[in-house]
N, C-alpha and C. Protein backbone atom coordinates (compact mmCIF):
# COMPACT_ATOMS: atom_id res chain seq x y z
N MET A 1 118.33 -223.30 -116.18
CA MET A 1 117.75 -223.87 -115.13
C MET A 1 117.18 -222.51 -114.20
N LYS A 2 116.23 -222.49 -113.67
CA LYS A 2 115.89 -221.60 -112.48
C LYS A 2 115.75 -222.38 -111.23
N ILE A 3 116.50 -221.53 -110.44
CA ILE A 3 116.63 -222.79 -108.75
C ILE A 3 116.61 -221.63 -107.54
N LEU A 4 115.40 -221.85 -107.10
CA LEU A 4 114.73 -221.66 -105.90
C LEU A 4 115.28 -221.40 -104.94
N ILE A 5 115.98 -220.70 -103.65
CA ILE A 5 116.43 -221.06 -102.48
C ILE A 5 116.01 -220.90 -101.38
N ALA A 6 115.33 -221.40 -100.61
CA ALA A 6 114.64 -221.00 -99.48
C ALA A 6 115.20 -221.21 -98.26
N ASP A 7 115.74 -220.39 -96.87
CA ASP A 7 116.49 -220.19 -96.10
C ASP A 7 116.27 -219.00 -95.49
N ASP A 8 116.25 -219.33 -94.35
CA ASP A 8 115.89 -217.64 -93.58
C ASP A 8 117.82 -216.83 -93.34
N HIS A 9 118.91 -217.77 -93.48
CA HIS A 9 119.77 -217.29 -93.34
C HIS A 9 120.98 -216.95 -94.17
N ALA A 10 121.02 -215.57 -94.51
CA ALA A 10 121.17 -214.82 -95.80
C ALA A 10 122.54 -215.67 -96.22
N VAL A 11 123.84 -215.57 -95.63
CA VAL A 11 124.73 -216.08 -95.62
C VAL A 11 125.29 -217.59 -96.25
N LEU A 12 124.00 -218.19 -95.53
CA LEU A 12 124.02 -219.35 -96.36
C LEU A 12 123.29 -219.72 -97.22
N ARG A 13 122.48 -218.82 -97.83
CA ARG A 13 122.31 -218.93 -99.49
C ARG A 13 122.83 -218.33 -100.42
N LYS A 14 123.65 -217.37 -100.04
CA LYS A 14 124.60 -216.74 -101.12
C LYS A 14 125.81 -217.98 -100.90
N GLY A 15 125.59 -218.61 -100.56
CA GLY A 15 127.08 -220.05 -100.39
C GLY A 15 126.27 -220.74 -101.20
N LEU A 16 125.07 -221.31 -101.06
CA LEU A 16 124.39 -221.98 -102.09
C LEU A 16 124.27 -221.81 -103.59
N VAL A 17 124.11 -220.26 -103.70
CA VAL A 17 124.48 -219.57 -104.85
C VAL A 17 125.51 -219.63 -105.65
N MET A 18 126.43 -219.46 -104.81
CA MET A 18 127.74 -219.49 -105.43
C MET A 18 128.14 -221.06 -105.97
N ILE A 19 128.11 -222.27 -104.96
CA ILE A 19 128.08 -223.27 -105.21
C ILE A 19 127.41 -224.19 -106.81
N LEU A 20 125.97 -223.30 -106.77
CA LEU A 20 125.10 -223.97 -107.97
C LEU A 20 125.72 -223.33 -108.78
N ALA A 21 126.20 -222.03 -109.17
CA ALA A 21 125.89 -221.23 -110.05
C ALA A 21 127.57 -222.03 -110.50
N GLU A 22 128.13 -222.44 -109.86
CA GLU A 22 129.48 -223.23 -110.81
C GLU A 22 129.21 -224.57 -111.04
N ALA A 23 128.49 -224.87 -110.90
CA ALA A 23 127.96 -226.37 -110.75
C ALA A 23 126.88 -226.24 -112.46
N PHE A 24 126.11 -225.37 -112.38
CA PHE A 24 125.27 -225.16 -113.44
C PHE A 24 125.39 -223.18 -114.01
N PRO A 25 126.43 -223.63 -114.76
CA PRO A 25 126.91 -221.99 -115.51
C PRO A 25 125.57 -221.66 -116.39
N GLY A 26 125.00 -220.24 -115.87
CA GLY A 26 123.88 -219.47 -116.44
C GLY A 26 122.85 -219.72 -115.82
N ALA A 27 122.76 -220.73 -114.44
CA ALA A 27 121.52 -221.11 -114.56
C ALA A 27 121.10 -219.84 -113.64
N GLU A 28 119.69 -219.43 -113.31
CA GLU A 28 119.33 -217.90 -112.78
C GLU A 28 118.53 -218.57 -111.36
N PHE A 29 118.82 -217.62 -110.22
CA PHE A 29 118.62 -218.10 -108.85
C PHE A 29 117.39 -216.80 -107.92
N GLY A 30 116.85 -217.66 -107.21
CA GLY A 30 115.69 -216.58 -106.91
C GLY A 30 116.11 -217.23 -105.06
N GLU A 31 115.87 -216.14 -104.42
CA GLU A 31 116.11 -216.27 -102.50
C GLU A 31 115.02 -215.58 -101.81
N ALA A 32 114.45 -216.97 -101.42
CA ALA A 32 113.42 -216.68 -100.15
C ALA A 32 113.86 -216.79 -98.55
N SER A 33 113.50 -215.88 -97.79
CA SER A 33 114.15 -216.30 -96.18
C SER A 33 112.85 -216.48 -95.51
N SER A 34 111.93 -216.74 -96.12
CA SER A 34 110.53 -217.34 -95.03
C SER A 34 109.72 -217.98 -95.76
N ALA A 35 108.89 -218.62 -95.39
CA ALA A 35 107.82 -219.41 -95.77
C ALA A 35 107.00 -218.72 -96.59
N ALA A 36 106.29 -217.67 -96.41
CA ALA A 36 105.43 -216.56 -97.15
C ALA A 36 106.56 -215.94 -98.38
N GLU A 37 107.64 -215.56 -98.13
CA GLU A 37 108.42 -215.33 -99.31
C GLU A 37 108.34 -216.39 -100.63
N THR A 38 108.68 -217.35 -100.32
CA THR A 38 108.65 -218.80 -100.64
C THR A 38 107.70 -219.20 -101.66
N LEU A 39 106.39 -218.95 -101.15
CA LEU A 39 105.35 -219.33 -101.82
C LEU A 39 104.57 -218.06 -103.02
N ASP A 40 105.20 -216.25 -102.69
CA ASP A 40 105.23 -215.73 -103.24
C ASP A 40 105.83 -216.07 -104.79
N TYR A 41 107.19 -216.02 -104.43
CA TYR A 41 108.21 -216.56 -105.82
C TYR A 41 107.17 -217.74 -106.17
N LEU A 42 106.95 -218.83 -105.79
CA LEU A 42 106.83 -219.86 -106.51
C LEU A 42 105.08 -219.43 -107.26
N ARG A 43 104.48 -218.12 -106.94
CA ARG A 43 103.21 -218.48 -107.65
C ARG A 43 103.58 -217.21 -108.71
N GLN A 44 105.07 -216.47 -108.36
CA GLN A 44 104.83 -215.32 -109.44
C GLN A 44 105.58 -215.90 -110.73
N GLN A 45 106.24 -217.11 -110.73
CA GLN A 45 107.37 -217.56 -111.38
C GLN A 45 107.26 -219.03 -111.44
N ARG A 46 108.06 -219.55 -112.78
CA ARG A 46 108.28 -220.97 -112.83
C ARG A 46 109.48 -221.58 -112.24
N TRP A 47 109.92 -222.43 -111.60
CA TRP A 47 111.59 -222.43 -111.34
C TRP A 47 111.19 -224.45 -111.63
N ASP A 48 112.79 -224.74 -111.47
CA ASP A 48 112.83 -225.92 -112.17
C ASP A 48 113.12 -226.69 -111.04
N VAL A 49 113.60 -226.03 -110.01
CA VAL A 49 113.60 -226.80 -108.46
C VAL A 49 113.96 -225.86 -107.21
N LEU A 50 113.13 -226.30 -106.39
CA LEU A 50 113.55 -225.92 -105.01
C LEU A 50 114.15 -226.64 -104.09
N ILE A 51 114.89 -225.61 -103.16
CA ILE A 51 115.88 -226.24 -102.59
C ILE A 51 115.05 -225.50 -101.16
N LEU A 52 114.94 -226.46 -100.15
CA LEU A 52 113.92 -226.02 -99.31
C LEU A 52 114.66 -226.24 -97.55
N ASP A 53 114.75 -225.07 -97.09
CA ASP A 53 114.71 -225.58 -95.75
C ASP A 53 114.03 -225.83 -94.32
N ILE A 54 113.84 -226.80 -93.94
CA ILE A 54 112.34 -226.97 -93.17
C ILE A 54 112.27 -225.88 -91.84
N PHE A 55 113.36 -225.57 -91.15
CA PHE A 55 113.18 -224.73 -90.16
C PHE A 55 113.26 -223.33 -90.34
N MET A 56 112.44 -222.39 -90.70
CA MET A 56 112.36 -221.12 -90.97
C MET A 56 111.34 -220.32 -89.88
N PRO A 57 111.33 -219.04 -89.72
CA PRO A 57 110.38 -218.44 -89.00
C PRO A 57 108.73 -218.37 -89.38
N GLY A 58 107.99 -218.36 -88.98
CA GLY A 58 106.58 -218.30 -89.12
C GLY A 58 106.53 -220.20 -89.46
N ARG A 59 105.71 -219.93 -90.53
CA ARG A 59 105.27 -221.20 -91.26
C ARG A 59 106.24 -222.14 -91.47
N SER A 60 106.54 -223.51 -91.52
CA SER A 60 107.59 -224.29 -91.48
C SER A 60 107.73 -224.34 -93.11
N GLY A 61 109.02 -225.44 -93.28
CA GLY A 61 109.06 -225.75 -94.63
C GLY A 61 108.08 -226.95 -94.96
N LEU A 62 107.41 -227.54 -94.09
CA LEU A 62 106.41 -228.69 -94.04
C LEU A 62 105.44 -227.82 -94.48
N ASP A 63 104.99 -226.86 -94.31
CA ASP A 63 103.97 -225.88 -94.57
C ASP A 63 104.07 -225.89 -96.17
N VAL A 64 105.29 -225.34 -96.02
CA VAL A 64 105.70 -225.15 -98.13
C VAL A 64 105.46 -226.10 -98.84
N LEU A 65 106.09 -227.49 -98.07
CA LEU A 65 106.17 -228.67 -98.97
C LEU A 65 104.60 -229.13 -99.41
N GLY A 66 103.95 -228.98 -98.29
CA GLY A 66 102.21 -229.37 -98.16
C GLY A 66 101.58 -228.71 -99.45
N GLU A 67 102.25 -227.53 -99.46
CA GLU A 67 101.19 -226.22 -100.67
C GLU A 67 101.81 -226.75 -101.77
N VAL A 68 103.13 -226.95 -102.21
CA VAL A 68 103.74 -226.87 -103.43
C VAL A 68 102.90 -228.26 -103.88
N ARG A 69 103.07 -229.75 -102.92
CA ARG A 69 102.34 -230.95 -103.54
C ARG A 69 100.54 -230.67 -103.74
N GLN A 70 100.33 -229.69 -103.13
CA GLN A 70 98.84 -229.33 -103.59
C GLN A 70 98.60 -228.59 -105.00
N HIS A 71 99.45 -227.34 -105.60
CA HIS A 71 99.11 -226.42 -106.65
C HIS A 71 100.29 -227.07 -107.63
N SER A 72 101.66 -227.53 -107.21
CA SER A 72 102.66 -227.10 -108.37
C SER A 72 103.40 -229.27 -108.07
N VAL A 73 102.74 -230.16 -108.67
CA VAL A 73 102.87 -231.57 -107.76
C VAL A 73 103.98 -231.90 -108.64
N ARG A 74 104.56 -231.11 -109.77
CA ARG A 74 105.85 -231.50 -110.83
C ARG A 74 107.00 -230.91 -110.18
N LEU A 75 106.87 -229.84 -109.61
CA LEU A 75 108.48 -229.36 -108.89
C LEU A 75 108.97 -230.25 -108.07
N PRO A 76 110.20 -230.65 -108.52
CA PRO A 76 111.11 -231.03 -107.52
C PRO A 76 111.25 -230.15 -106.58
N VAL A 77 111.39 -230.72 -104.96
CA VAL A 77 111.60 -230.38 -103.80
C VAL A 77 112.82 -230.81 -103.31
N LEU A 78 114.04 -230.16 -103.19
CA LEU A 78 114.99 -231.15 -102.37
C LEU A 78 115.62 -230.28 -101.01
N VAL A 79 114.79 -231.04 -100.03
CA VAL A 79 115.12 -230.43 -98.93
C VAL A 79 116.46 -230.21 -98.40
N LEU A 80 116.88 -229.29 -97.55
CA LEU A 80 118.10 -229.50 -97.23
C LEU A 80 118.27 -228.85 -96.00
N SER A 81 118.56 -229.31 -94.86
CA SER A 81 118.58 -229.15 -93.26
C SER A 81 119.31 -229.26 -92.39
N SER A 82 119.56 -228.94 -91.31
CA SER A 82 121.03 -229.12 -90.15
C SER A 82 120.61 -230.23 -88.91
N ALA A 83 119.06 -230.80 -89.45
CA ALA A 83 118.45 -231.75 -88.45
C ALA A 83 118.87 -233.39 -89.21
N PRO A 84 119.59 -234.05 -88.25
CA PRO A 84 120.59 -235.42 -89.18
C PRO A 84 119.29 -236.23 -89.63
N GLU A 85 119.50 -236.62 -90.72
CA GLU A 85 118.49 -237.72 -91.56
C GLU A 85 117.65 -238.43 -90.92
N GLU A 86 118.30 -239.09 -89.72
CA GLU A 86 117.18 -240.34 -89.48
C GLU A 86 115.68 -239.67 -88.22
N GLN A 87 116.15 -237.99 -87.98
CA GLN A 87 115.13 -237.03 -87.55
C GLN A 87 114.09 -236.92 -88.67
N LEU A 88 114.41 -236.61 -89.91
CA LEU A 88 113.39 -235.67 -90.61
C LEU A 88 113.24 -236.50 -92.13
N ALA A 89 114.40 -237.22 -92.35
CA ALA A 89 114.67 -237.12 -93.96
C ALA A 89 112.85 -238.17 -94.52
N ILE A 90 112.57 -239.34 -93.91
CA ILE A 90 111.45 -240.27 -94.33
C ILE A 90 110.43 -239.40 -93.99
N ARG A 91 110.22 -237.83 -92.90
CA ARG A 91 108.85 -237.56 -93.01
C ARG A 91 108.79 -236.42 -94.20
N VAL A 92 109.97 -236.04 -94.33
CA VAL A 92 109.52 -235.04 -95.47
C VAL A 92 109.74 -236.04 -96.86
N LEU A 93 110.21 -237.11 -97.27
CA LEU A 93 109.94 -237.94 -98.44
C LEU A 93 108.64 -238.42 -98.47
N LYS A 94 108.07 -238.52 -97.28
CA LYS A 94 106.55 -239.05 -97.38
C LYS A 94 105.85 -237.51 -97.61
N ALA A 95 106.26 -236.64 -97.28
CA ALA A 95 105.61 -235.65 -97.45
C ALA A 95 105.20 -235.09 -99.00
N GLY A 96 106.24 -235.64 -99.73
CA GLY A 96 106.34 -235.28 -100.80
C GLY A 96 107.48 -234.91 -101.43
N ALA A 97 108.74 -234.76 -100.48
CA ALA A 97 110.07 -234.20 -101.17
C ALA A 97 110.73 -234.71 -102.17
N SER A 98 111.53 -234.68 -103.02
CA SER A 98 112.23 -235.52 -103.84
C SER A 98 113.67 -235.55 -103.72
N GLY A 99 113.97 -235.22 -102.52
CA GLY A 99 114.96 -235.57 -101.95
C GLY A 99 115.60 -234.74 -100.54
N TYR A 100 116.46 -235.60 -99.86
CA TYR A 100 116.70 -234.94 -98.76
C TYR A 100 118.48 -234.75 -98.48
N LEU A 101 118.96 -233.29 -97.83
CA LEU A 101 120.26 -233.40 -97.41
C LEU A 101 120.75 -232.86 -96.55
N ASN A 102 121.83 -232.98 -95.46
CA ASN A 102 121.81 -232.09 -94.35
C ASN A 102 122.93 -231.10 -94.91
N LYS A 103 122.82 -230.25 -94.37
CA LYS A 103 123.78 -229.13 -94.65
C LYS A 103 125.21 -228.99 -94.67
N GLN A 104 125.48 -230.24 -94.17
CA GLN A 104 126.73 -230.39 -94.10
C GLN A 104 127.14 -231.00 -95.16
N VAL A 105 126.33 -231.41 -95.58
CA VAL A 105 127.26 -232.56 -97.06
C VAL A 105 128.17 -231.39 -98.07
N ALA A 106 128.59 -232.38 -98.88
CA ALA A 106 129.86 -231.65 -99.81
C ALA A 106 129.12 -230.76 -100.82
N PRO A 107 129.85 -229.81 -101.27
CA PRO A 107 129.39 -228.98 -102.61
C PRO A 107 128.88 -230.18 -103.98
N GLU A 108 129.93 -230.81 -104.05
CA GLU A 108 129.43 -231.96 -105.24
C GLU A 108 128.07 -232.84 -105.06
N GLU A 109 128.02 -233.05 -103.74
CA GLU A 109 127.06 -233.80 -103.31
C GLU A 109 125.63 -233.17 -103.68
N LEU A 110 125.73 -231.65 -103.44
CA LEU A 110 124.90 -231.22 -103.13
C LEU A 110 124.30 -231.19 -104.81
N ALA A 111 125.30 -230.76 -105.92
CA ALA A 111 125.03 -230.47 -107.57
C ALA A 111 124.42 -231.92 -107.94
N LYS A 112 124.83 -232.95 -107.44
CA LYS A 112 124.52 -234.76 -107.66
C LYS A 112 123.03 -234.54 -107.44
N ALA A 113 123.13 -234.10 -105.95
CA ALA A 113 121.36 -234.09 -105.98
C ALA A 113 120.57 -233.36 -106.32
N VAL A 114 121.03 -232.13 -106.81
CA VAL A 114 119.84 -231.10 -107.75
C VAL A 114 119.92 -231.67 -109.11
N ARG A 115 121.26 -232.21 -109.91
CA ARG A 115 120.62 -233.09 -111.11
C ARG A 115 119.91 -233.86 -111.03
N LYS A 116 119.95 -234.97 -109.83
CA LYS A 116 118.71 -235.80 -109.93
C LYS A 116 117.75 -235.69 -110.18
N VAL A 117 116.83 -234.71 -108.74
CA VAL A 117 115.58 -234.45 -108.37
C VAL A 117 115.21 -233.65 -109.73
N VAL A 118 116.22 -232.81 -110.81
CA VAL A 118 115.92 -231.96 -111.60
C VAL A 118 115.31 -233.19 -113.52
N ALA A 119 115.96 -234.27 -112.81
CA ALA A 119 115.97 -234.99 -113.94
C ALA A 119 114.60 -235.89 -113.73
N GLY A 120 114.08 -235.79 -112.51
CA GLY A 120 113.17 -236.57 -112.16
C GLY A 120 113.20 -237.59 -111.28
N GLY A 121 114.17 -238.17 -110.84
CA GLY A 121 114.50 -238.89 -109.57
C GLY A 121 114.58 -238.34 -108.32
N ARG A 122 114.45 -239.37 -107.15
CA ARG A 122 114.44 -238.85 -106.01
C ARG A 122 116.26 -239.29 -105.72
N TYR A 123 116.49 -238.52 -104.58
CA TYR A 123 117.81 -238.32 -103.99
C TYR A 123 117.54 -238.45 -102.66
N VAL A 124 118.34 -239.84 -102.46
CA VAL A 124 118.93 -240.01 -100.53
C VAL A 124 120.15 -240.63 -100.92
N SER A 125 120.88 -240.12 -99.80
CA SER A 125 122.31 -240.87 -99.25
C SER A 125 122.00 -242.19 -99.37
N ALA A 126 123.28 -243.18 -99.26
CA ALA A 126 123.46 -244.10 -98.80
C ALA A 126 122.73 -244.49 -97.64
N ALA A 127 123.43 -243.71 -96.80
CA ALA A 127 122.87 -244.22 -95.45
C ALA A 127 121.32 -244.52 -95.26
N LEU A 128 120.90 -243.11 -95.92
CA LEU A 128 119.36 -243.15 -96.13
C LEU A 128 118.42 -244.10 -96.73
N ALA A 129 118.92 -244.50 -97.16
CA ALA A 129 118.87 -246.13 -98.31
C ALA A 129 118.73 -247.18 -97.22
N GLU A 130 119.92 -246.89 -96.74
CA GLU A 130 119.43 -248.59 -95.82
C GLU A 130 119.08 -248.48 -94.35
N GLN A 131 118.05 -247.15 -94.82
CA GLN A 131 117.33 -247.10 -93.12
C GLN A 131 116.06 -247.08 -93.63
N LEU A 132 115.23 -247.19 -95.01
CA LEU A 132 114.82 -246.99 -95.55
C LEU A 132 114.37 -248.24 -95.94
N ALA A 133 115.01 -249.13 -96.61
CA ALA A 133 114.84 -250.36 -96.68
C ALA A 133 114.71 -251.28 -95.18
N ALA A 134 115.45 -250.55 -94.24
CA ALA A 134 115.50 -251.67 -93.01
C ALA A 134 113.80 -251.09 -92.24
N GLU A 135 113.49 -250.13 -92.72
CA GLU A 135 112.23 -250.04 -92.22
C GLU A 135 110.60 -250.27 -93.12
N LEU A 136 111.22 -250.96 -94.34
CA LEU A 136 109.74 -251.70 -95.11
C LEU A 136 109.44 -252.86 -94.44
N GLY A 137 110.70 -253.70 -93.26
CA GLY A 137 110.16 -254.67 -92.93
C GLY A 137 110.30 -254.66 -91.42
N GLN A 138 110.05 -253.71 -90.90
CA GLN A 138 109.62 -253.43 -89.40
C GLN A 138 107.90 -253.01 -89.43
N THR A 139 107.51 -253.58 -88.58
CA THR A 139 105.88 -253.26 -88.12
C THR A 139 105.47 -252.44 -87.19
N ASP A 140 106.32 -252.31 -86.25
CA ASP A 140 106.44 -251.82 -84.97
C ASP A 140 106.93 -250.41 -85.13
N ARG A 141 106.38 -249.38 -85.38
CA ARG A 141 106.75 -248.25 -85.46
C ARG A 141 106.98 -247.30 -84.13
N PRO A 142 107.81 -246.17 -83.81
CA PRO A 142 107.66 -245.30 -82.89
C PRO A 142 106.72 -244.63 -82.87
N PRO A 143 106.16 -244.24 -81.18
CA PRO A 143 105.07 -243.34 -81.21
C PRO A 143 105.05 -242.03 -82.02
N HIS A 144 106.27 -241.40 -82.10
CA HIS A 144 106.63 -239.71 -82.50
C HIS A 144 106.19 -239.52 -84.21
N GLU A 145 106.20 -240.96 -85.03
CA GLU A 145 106.05 -241.30 -85.96
C GLU A 145 104.35 -241.36 -86.29
N SER A 146 103.45 -241.14 -85.39
CA SER A 146 102.53 -240.91 -85.70
C SER A 146 101.80 -239.38 -85.39
N LEU A 147 102.49 -238.80 -84.88
CA LEU A 147 102.44 -237.16 -84.58
C LEU A 147 102.23 -236.55 -86.43
N SER A 148 101.38 -235.37 -86.31
CA SER A 148 100.98 -234.68 -87.79
C SER A 148 102.50 -234.13 -87.61
N ASP A 149 102.68 -233.45 -89.17
CA ASP A 149 103.76 -232.64 -89.62
C ASP A 149 103.58 -231.14 -88.37
N ARG A 150 102.31 -230.59 -88.34
CA ARG A 150 102.16 -229.79 -86.86
C ARG A 150 102.54 -229.87 -85.94
N GLU A 151 102.22 -231.18 -85.39
CA GLU A 151 102.43 -231.65 -84.42
C GLU A 151 104.33 -231.94 -83.95
N TYR A 152 104.75 -232.44 -85.22
CA TYR A 152 105.79 -233.03 -84.76
C TYR A 152 106.44 -231.08 -84.63
N ALA A 153 106.51 -230.47 -85.54
CA ALA A 153 107.19 -228.97 -85.21
C ALA A 153 106.95 -228.33 -84.38
N VAL A 154 105.79 -228.38 -83.43
CA VAL A 154 105.47 -228.09 -82.34
C VAL A 154 106.08 -229.02 -80.97
N LEU A 155 106.48 -230.21 -81.09
CA LEU A 155 107.60 -231.38 -80.87
C LEU A 155 108.87 -230.69 -80.48
N LEU A 156 109.55 -230.17 -81.63
CA LEU A 156 110.88 -229.91 -81.37
C LEU A 156 111.09 -228.73 -80.63
N ARG A 157 109.73 -227.79 -81.08
CA ARG A 157 110.45 -226.50 -80.77
C ARG A 157 110.15 -226.86 -78.84
N LEU A 158 109.00 -227.11 -78.36
CA LEU A 158 109.11 -227.56 -76.85
C LEU A 158 110.12 -228.68 -76.43
N VAL A 159 110.84 -229.30 -77.41
CA VAL A 159 111.92 -230.25 -76.57
C VAL A 159 113.45 -228.96 -76.03
N ALA A 160 113.42 -228.10 -77.43
CA ALA A 160 114.26 -226.65 -77.34
C ALA A 160 113.71 -225.93 -76.35
N GLY A 161 112.79 -225.84 -75.41
CA GLY A 161 112.42 -224.87 -74.38
C GLY A 161 111.95 -223.94 -74.68
N GLN A 162 111.09 -223.79 -76.05
CA GLN A 162 110.05 -222.60 -76.27
C GLN A 162 108.99 -222.63 -75.59
N SER A 163 108.48 -221.64 -75.07
CA SER A 163 107.06 -221.77 -74.45
C SER A 163 105.93 -221.47 -75.52
N VAL A 164 104.79 -221.85 -75.15
CA VAL A 164 103.71 -222.23 -75.94
C VAL A 164 103.67 -220.23 -76.47
N LYS A 165 103.79 -219.59 -76.09
CA LYS A 165 103.31 -218.58 -76.65
C LYS A 165 104.48 -217.97 -77.92
N ALA A 166 105.57 -218.31 -77.74
CA ALA A 166 107.02 -217.92 -78.24
C ALA A 166 106.74 -219.07 -79.72
N ILE A 167 106.12 -220.64 -79.44
CA ILE A 167 106.26 -221.10 -80.69
C ILE A 167 104.88 -220.70 -81.06
N ALA A 168 103.62 -219.97 -80.76
CA ALA A 168 102.57 -219.87 -81.83
C ALA A 168 103.26 -218.74 -82.42
N THR A 169 103.75 -217.69 -81.60
CA THR A 169 104.19 -216.96 -82.75
C THR A 169 105.11 -217.30 -83.63
N ASP A 170 105.92 -217.86 -83.37
CA ASP A 170 106.97 -218.76 -84.32
C ASP A 170 105.89 -219.07 -85.63
N LEU A 171 105.06 -220.23 -84.69
CA LEU A 171 104.12 -221.03 -86.08
C LEU A 171 103.23 -220.09 -86.60
N CYS A 172 103.00 -219.08 -86.56
CA CYS A 172 101.39 -218.06 -86.52
C CYS A 172 100.33 -218.93 -86.09
N LEU A 173 100.29 -219.12 -85.22
CA LEU A 173 99.19 -219.78 -84.67
C LEU A 173 98.42 -219.12 -83.20
N SER A 174 97.76 -219.18 -82.77
CA SER A 174 97.37 -219.23 -81.15
C SER A 174 98.10 -219.88 -80.52
N PRO A 175 97.87 -219.16 -79.23
CA PRO A 175 98.43 -219.90 -77.84
C PRO A 175 97.76 -221.12 -77.81
N LYS A 176 96.24 -220.83 -77.97
CA LYS A 176 95.64 -222.13 -77.74
C LYS A 176 95.48 -223.01 -78.52
N THR A 177 95.57 -223.03 -79.84
CA THR A 177 95.56 -224.03 -80.74
C THR A 177 97.40 -224.82 -80.52
N VAL A 178 98.03 -223.75 -80.16
CA VAL A 178 99.50 -224.54 -79.84
C VAL A 178 99.44 -225.56 -78.60
N SER A 179 98.63 -225.52 -77.21
CA SER A 179 98.21 -225.82 -75.93
C SER A 179 97.43 -227.24 -76.59
N THR A 180 96.85 -226.90 -77.05
CA THR A 180 95.67 -228.01 -77.86
C THR A 180 97.14 -229.46 -78.54
N TYR A 181 97.56 -228.85 -79.63
CA TYR A 181 98.72 -229.63 -79.99
C TYR A 181 99.87 -230.26 -78.68
N HIS A 182 99.85 -229.25 -77.70
CA HIS A 182 100.78 -230.11 -76.64
C HIS A 182 100.53 -231.11 -76.17
N THR A 183 99.03 -230.97 -75.54
CA THR A 183 98.19 -232.00 -74.94
C THR A 183 98.06 -233.20 -76.40
N ARG A 184 97.86 -233.04 -77.08
CA ARG A 184 97.75 -234.21 -78.27
C ARG A 184 99.30 -234.63 -77.87
N ILE A 185 100.53 -234.40 -78.26
CA ILE A 185 101.26 -234.95 -78.18
C ILE A 185 102.33 -235.73 -77.19
N TRP A 186 101.47 -235.40 -75.90
CA TRP A 186 101.45 -235.66 -74.62
C TRP A 186 100.77 -237.48 -74.37
N GLY A 187 99.63 -236.93 -75.46
CA GLY A 187 98.77 -238.42 -75.59
C GLY A 187 99.33 -239.37 -76.41
N LYS A 188 99.76 -238.86 -77.84
CA LYS A 188 100.76 -239.96 -78.36
C LYS A 188 101.64 -240.47 -77.63
N LEU A 189 102.37 -239.93 -77.27
CA LEU A 189 103.83 -240.29 -76.93
C LEU A 189 103.89 -240.73 -75.53
N GLY A 190 102.57 -240.82 -75.08
CA GLY A 190 102.32 -241.26 -73.79
C GLY A 190 103.22 -241.37 -72.37
N VAL A 191 103.27 -239.49 -72.52
CA VAL A 191 104.40 -238.86 -71.71
C VAL A 191 103.19 -238.15 -70.52
N ARG A 192 103.74 -237.83 -69.26
CA ARG A 192 102.92 -237.04 -68.57
C ARG A 192 103.21 -235.71 -68.12
N GLY A 193 104.24 -235.37 -69.04
CA GLY A 193 104.68 -233.89 -68.71
C GLY A 193 105.61 -233.87 -69.80
N ASP A 194 106.33 -232.43 -69.44
CA ASP A 194 107.61 -231.78 -70.40
C ASP A 194 108.61 -232.68 -69.86
N ALA A 195 108.93 -232.71 -68.68
CA ALA A 195 110.13 -233.20 -68.63
C ALA A 195 110.13 -235.00 -69.22
N GLU A 196 108.89 -235.77 -69.05
CA GLU A 196 109.13 -237.19 -69.87
C GLU A 196 108.91 -236.96 -71.25
N LEU A 197 108.88 -235.57 -71.66
CA LEU A 197 108.85 -235.16 -73.24
C LEU A 197 110.33 -235.08 -73.68
N VAL A 198 110.80 -234.38 -72.84
CA VAL A 198 112.11 -234.15 -73.18
C VAL A 198 113.20 -235.53 -72.97
N LYS A 199 112.72 -236.54 -71.72
CA LYS A 199 113.45 -237.35 -72.25
C LYS A 199 113.00 -238.57 -73.09
N TYR A 200 112.05 -238.29 -73.27
CA TYR A 200 112.14 -239.14 -74.78
C TYR A 200 112.37 -238.53 -76.34
N ALA A 201 112.52 -237.33 -76.02
CA ALA A 201 113.45 -237.00 -77.31
C ALA A 201 114.43 -237.19 -77.52
N LEU A 202 115.30 -237.44 -75.84
CA LEU A 202 116.54 -237.75 -75.85
C LEU A 202 116.87 -239.19 -76.59
N GLU A 203 116.02 -239.97 -76.05
CA GLU A 203 116.18 -241.19 -76.17
C GLU A 203 115.87 -241.53 -77.49
N ASN A 204 114.98 -241.16 -78.28
CA ASN A 204 114.66 -241.26 -79.91
C ASN A 204 115.37 -240.26 -80.59
N GLY A 205 115.84 -239.60 -79.84
CA GLY A 205 117.34 -238.72 -80.83
C GLY A 205 116.34 -237.16 -81.72
N LEU A 206 115.65 -237.18 -81.29
CA LEU A 206 114.77 -235.93 -81.31
C LEU A 206 115.06 -234.67 -81.01
N GLN A 207 116.09 -233.77 -82.08
CA GLN A 207 116.24 -232.71 -81.56
C GLN A 207 115.73 -231.16 -82.62
N PRO A 208 115.67 -230.31 -82.16
CA PRO A 208 115.36 -229.05 -83.07
C PRO A 208 116.81 -228.92 -84.17
């Protein structure tokens, strides 16, 4: 098995390699620290599974996921993030991920998830499965679910206190483009400034 791990924290990558090497003897590993490096690895070699962090410098993991689904539909992508399930899981699953795990998950659960997605299945925790089932019957959706993936990425950075210039650098965009997203977010969420935006984020459990 060939496993590509994409995360900007070297210590976490090494830890994941150790866990998965024990669970999958003989597996080969690749390590990427950014979206650009991840895409380079994907172009150069064939992989059996990609373990992907959403929050990386430059282009986000959601950008990587979008490109993977455009060019390599069959590659299983297991998203591993520090964000709580209720914030990101449904969004990444809709974007084409094969599964979602919080970084605090037990090692044996990680191995179980990898086995399932490599076999062609989808992995979600029991709590997330309940949330998905509940949402099937909902007709009223919170406004932030109407945001595009890029708008959502900008929202999380605004709530974290980043400036428009810093966000532009982080996402490889122009400040003007980020300002446009900023204005769109206000409109879609029905807020009249960043103070109301932060309040909305806190009320809805949206944190970077």
